[in-house]
């Protein structure tokens, strides 16, 4: 039976990179503590795609807010009719 030796690795990064790592982990369902060399390599390889995805969500935020505000009255009316 093989014995595995685990070591802790600390990485210092700026807030922007930390946000990217957090988005990456959230998107792929990975715990930040579980990031290993293979996942870090994957992150680096897909960083442009992830940046684009995050930018797209940020750009859509105001439109989504407008849509929600537009339909808020409809939701309230429907709730009143149900109750």
N, C-alpha and C. Protein backbone atom coordinates (compact mmCIF):
# COMPACT_ATOMS: atom_id res chain seq x y z
N UNK A 1 0.84 -1.17 0.00
CA UNK A 1 0.00 0.00 0.00
C UNK A 1 0.89 1.24 0.00
N UNK A 2 0.53 2.20 -0.83
CA UNK A 2 1.29 3.43 -0.95
C UNK A 2 0.88 4.41 0.13
N UNK A 3 1.85 5.09 0.70
CA UNK A 3 1.58 6.12 1.69
C UNK A 3 1.68 7.47 1.00
N UNK A 4 0.66 8.29 1.18
CA UNK A 4 0.67 9.61 0.58
C UNK A 4 1.11 10.63 1.62
N UNK A 5 1.97 11.51 1.19
CA UNK A 5 2.42 12.60 2.05
C UNK A 5 1.76 13.86 1.54
N UNK A 6 1.04 14.52 2.41
CA UNK A 6 0.37 15.76 2.02
C UNK A 6 1.13 16.93 2.61
N UNK A 7 1.29 17.95 1.78
CA UNK A 7 1.95 19.16 2.23
C UNK A 7 1.05 20.34 1.92
N UNK A 8 1.16 21.35 2.71
CA UNK A 8 0.36 22.56 2.50
C UNK A 8 1.17 23.52 1.65
N UNK A 9 0.48 24.14 0.70
CA UNK A 9 1.10 25.12 -0.18
C UNK A 9 0.34 26.42 -0.04
N UNK A 10 1.04 27.48 0.27
CA UNK A 10 0.43 28.80 0.37
C UNK A 10 0.84 29.61 -0.84
N UNK A 11 -0.13 30.32 -1.38
CA UNK A 11 0.13 31.15 -2.55
C UNK A 11 -0.33 32.56 -2.23
N UNK A 12 0.51 33.52 -2.52
CA UNK A 12 0.15 34.91 -2.32
C UNK A 12 -0.27 35.49 -3.67
N UNK A 13 -1.44 36.12 -3.70
CA UNK A 13 -1.91 36.72 -4.94
C UNK A 13 -2.71 37.96 -4.62
N UNK A 14 -2.86 38.80 -5.62
CA UNK A 14 -3.63 40.03 -5.41
C UNK A 14 -5.13 39.73 -5.40
N UNK A 15 -5.91 40.73 -5.06
CA UNK A 15 -7.36 40.54 -4.91
C UNK A 15 -8.02 40.12 -6.22
N UNK A 16 -7.56 40.68 -7.35
CA UNK A 16 -8.14 40.33 -8.64
C UNK A 16 -7.93 38.85 -8.95
N UNK A 17 -6.74 38.34 -8.69
CA UNK A 17 -6.46 36.92 -8.95
C UNK A 17 -7.25 36.04 -7.98
N UNK A 18 -7.36 36.47 -6.74
CA UNK A 18 -8.14 35.71 -5.77
C UNK A 18 -9.60 35.62 -6.22
N UNK A 19 -10.14 36.71 -6.74
CA UNK A 19 -11.51 36.69 -7.26
C UNK A 19 -11.64 35.72 -8.43
N UNK A 20 -10.63 35.69 -9.30
CA UNK A 20 -10.66 34.76 -10.43
C UNK A 20 -10.63 33.31 -9.95
N UNK A 21 -9.80 33.03 -8.96
CA UNK A 21 -9.72 31.68 -8.41
C UNK A 21 -11.05 31.29 -7.78
N UNK A 22 -11.65 32.23 -7.06
CA UNK A 22 -12.95 31.97 -6.42
C UNK A 22 -14.02 31.69 -7.47
N UNK A 23 -14.07 32.50 -8.54
CA UNK A 23 -15.02 32.26 -9.63
C UNK A 23 -14.78 30.90 -10.27
N UNK A 24 -13.52 30.57 -10.50
CA UNK A 24 -13.16 29.29 -11.09
C UNK A 24 -13.67 28.15 -10.23
N UNK A 25 -13.40 28.23 -8.94
CA UNK A 25 -13.82 27.16 -8.02
C UNK A 25 -15.34 27.05 -7.96
N UNK A 26 -16.02 28.19 -7.91
CA UNK A 26 -17.48 28.17 -7.88
C UNK A 26 -18.04 27.56 -9.16
N UNK A 27 -17.49 27.97 -10.30
CA UNK A 27 -17.99 27.51 -11.60
C UNK A 27 -17.81 26.00 -11.77
N UNK A 28 -16.65 25.49 -11.34
CA UNK A 28 -16.35 24.08 -11.52
C UNK A 28 -16.64 23.22 -10.29
N UNK A 29 -17.18 23.82 -9.23
CA UNK A 29 -17.54 23.06 -8.04
C UNK A 29 -16.34 22.48 -7.32
N UNK A 30 -15.28 23.25 -7.25
CA UNK A 30 -14.03 22.81 -6.62
C UNK A 30 -13.82 23.62 -5.35
N UNK A 31 -13.40 22.99 -4.29
CA UNK A 31 -13.04 23.71 -3.08
C UNK A 31 -11.65 24.31 -3.29
N UNK A 32 -11.49 25.55 -2.85
CA UNK A 32 -10.19 26.20 -3.04
C UNK A 32 -9.06 25.40 -2.40
N UNK A 33 -9.34 24.74 -1.29
CA UNK A 33 -8.31 23.92 -0.64
C UNK A 33 -7.93 22.70 -1.44
N UNK A 34 -8.78 22.30 -2.39
CA UNK A 34 -8.51 21.11 -3.21
C UNK A 34 -7.77 21.43 -4.50
N UNK A 35 -7.44 22.70 -4.72
CA UNK A 35 -6.71 23.04 -5.94
C UNK A 35 -5.32 22.40 -5.90
N UNK A 36 -5.03 21.65 -6.92
CA UNK A 36 -3.71 21.04 -7.05
C UNK A 36 -3.08 21.48 -8.35
N UNK A 37 -1.92 20.95 -8.65
CA UNK A 37 -1.22 21.35 -9.88
C UNK A 37 -2.07 21.14 -11.13
N UNK A 38 -2.79 20.02 -11.18
CA UNK A 38 -3.60 19.74 -12.37
C UNK A 38 -4.71 20.77 -12.54
N UNK A 39 -5.34 21.17 -11.46
CA UNK A 39 -6.42 22.14 -11.54
C UNK A 39 -5.89 23.54 -11.79
N UNK A 40 -4.74 23.86 -11.22
CA UNK A 40 -4.13 25.16 -11.48
C UNK A 40 -3.73 25.27 -12.95
N UNK A 41 -3.22 24.19 -13.51
CA UNK A 41 -2.88 24.19 -14.94
C UNK A 41 -4.14 24.38 -15.78
N UNK A 42 -5.22 23.72 -15.38
CA UNK A 42 -6.50 23.86 -16.09
C UNK A 42 -6.98 25.30 -16.01
N UNK A 43 -6.87 25.88 -14.83
CA UNK A 43 -7.26 27.28 -14.62
C UNK A 43 -6.48 28.19 -15.54
N UNK A 44 -5.17 28.01 -15.61
CA UNK A 44 -4.34 28.86 -16.46
C UNK A 44 -4.72 28.69 -17.93
N UNK A 45 -5.01 27.47 -18.33
CA UNK A 45 -5.34 27.20 -19.72
C UNK A 45 -6.68 27.81 -20.11
N UNK A 46 -7.60 27.93 -19.16
CA UNK A 46 -8.94 28.43 -19.45
C UNK A 46 -9.20 29.81 -18.88
N UNK A 47 -8.16 30.50 -18.46
CA UNK A 47 -8.33 31.79 -17.80
C UNK A 47 -9.04 32.80 -18.71
N UNK A 48 -8.71 32.86 -19.98
CA UNK A 48 -9.35 33.82 -20.88
C UNK A 48 -10.85 33.54 -20.99
N UNK A 49 -11.20 32.26 -21.08
CA UNK A 49 -12.62 31.88 -21.16
C UNK A 49 -13.34 32.26 -19.87
N UNK A 50 -12.70 32.02 -18.74
CA UNK A 50 -13.31 32.35 -17.45
C UNK A 50 -13.45 33.86 -17.29
N UNK A 51 -12.43 34.62 -17.73
CA UNK A 51 -12.50 36.07 -17.67
C UNK A 51 -13.66 36.58 -18.52
N UNK A 52 -13.81 36.01 -19.70
CA UNK A 52 -14.89 36.40 -20.60
C UNK A 52 -16.25 36.07 -19.99
N UNK A 53 -16.36 34.91 -19.39
CA UNK A 53 -17.60 34.49 -18.74
C UNK A 53 -17.96 35.45 -17.61
N UNK A 54 -17.00 35.78 -16.78
CA UNK A 54 -17.24 36.70 -15.66
C UNK A 54 -17.63 38.08 -16.18
N UNK A 55 -16.97 38.55 -17.23
CA UNK A 55 -17.28 39.86 -17.80
C UNK A 55 -18.70 39.87 -18.37
N UNK A 56 -19.08 38.77 -19.01
CA UNK A 56 -20.43 38.67 -19.56
C UNK A 56 -21.50 38.75 -18.48
N UNK A 57 -21.27 38.04 -17.38
CA UNK A 57 -22.23 38.10 -16.27
C UNK A 57 -22.31 39.51 -15.70
N UNK A 58 -21.16 40.17 -15.58
CA UNK A 58 -21.15 41.54 -15.04
C UNK A 58 -21.89 42.49 -15.98
N UNK A 59 -21.69 42.31 -17.29
CA UNK A 59 -22.36 43.18 -18.26
C UNK A 59 -23.87 42.94 -18.27
N UNK A 60 -24.30 41.74 -18.02
CA UNK A 60 -25.73 41.41 -18.03
C UNK A 60 -26.43 41.80 -16.73
N UNK A 61 -25.69 42.12 -15.71
CA UNK A 61 -26.29 42.40 -14.40
C UNK A 61 -27.32 43.52 -14.46
N UNK A 62 -26.98 44.62 -15.13
CA UNK A 62 -27.93 45.74 -15.17
C UNK A 62 -29.17 45.38 -15.99
N UNK A 63 -29.00 44.65 -17.08
CA UNK A 63 -30.15 44.22 -17.88
C UNK A 63 -31.04 43.28 -17.08
N UNK A 64 -30.44 42.36 -16.36
CA UNK A 64 -31.21 41.43 -15.52
C UNK A 64 -31.97 42.17 -14.43
N UNK A 65 -31.35 43.20 -13.88
CA UNK A 65 -32.02 44.01 -12.86
C UNK A 65 -33.23 44.73 -13.45
N UNK A 66 -33.06 45.27 -14.66
CA UNK A 66 -34.17 45.95 -15.33
C UNK A 66 -35.33 44.97 -15.60
N UNK A 67 -35.01 43.78 -16.07
CA UNK A 67 -36.03 42.77 -16.36
C UNK A 67 -36.79 42.40 -15.08
N UNK A 68 -36.04 42.20 -14.00
CA UNK A 68 -36.69 41.87 -12.73
C UNK A 68 -37.61 43.00 -12.27
N UNK A 69 -37.14 44.23 -12.40
CA UNK A 69 -37.95 45.38 -11.98
C UNK A 69 -39.22 45.48 -12.82
N UNK A 70 -39.10 45.21 -14.14
CA UNK A 70 -40.26 45.27 -15.03
C UNK A 70 -41.34 44.27 -14.64
N UNK A 71 -40.93 43.10 -14.22
CA UNK A 71 -41.90 42.04 -13.93
C UNK A 71 -42.27 41.95 -12.45
N UNK A 72 -41.74 42.85 -11.65
CA UNK A 72 -42.04 42.83 -10.22
C UNK A 72 -43.54 43.03 -9.97
N UNK A 73 -44.13 43.97 -10.70
CA UNK A 73 -45.58 44.22 -10.53
C UNK A 73 -46.40 43.00 -10.94
N UNK A 74 -45.98 42.32 -12.00
CA UNK A 74 -46.70 41.10 -12.43
C UNK A 74 -46.65 40.04 -11.34
N UNK A 75 -45.49 39.88 -10.73
CA UNK A 75 -45.34 38.90 -9.66
C UNK A 75 -46.21 39.25 -8.47
N UNK A 76 -46.24 40.53 -8.13
CA UNK A 76 -47.07 40.97 -6.99
C UNK A 76 -48.55 40.72 -7.27
N UNK A 77 -48.98 41.04 -8.49
CA UNK A 77 -50.38 40.82 -8.87
C UNK A 77 -50.73 39.34 -8.83
N UNK A 78 -49.84 38.51 -9.35
CA UNK A 78 -50.08 37.07 -9.33
C UNK A 78 -50.16 36.56 -7.90
N UNK A 79 -49.30 37.04 -7.04
CA UNK A 79 -49.32 36.62 -5.64
C UNK A 79 -50.61 37.01 -4.96
N UNK A 80 -51.12 38.20 -5.26
CA UNK A 80 -52.38 38.65 -4.68
C UNK A 80 -53.55 37.77 -5.16
N UNK A 81 -53.55 37.38 -6.41
CA UNK A 81 -54.62 36.56 -6.95
C UNK A 81 -54.58 35.15 -6.37
N UNK A 82 -53.39 34.66 -6.10
CA UNK A 82 -53.24 33.31 -5.54
C UNK A 82 -53.73 33.27 -4.09
N UNK A 83 -53.40 34.30 -3.34
CA UNK A 83 -53.74 34.32 -1.92
C UNK A 83 -55.05 34.97 -1.79
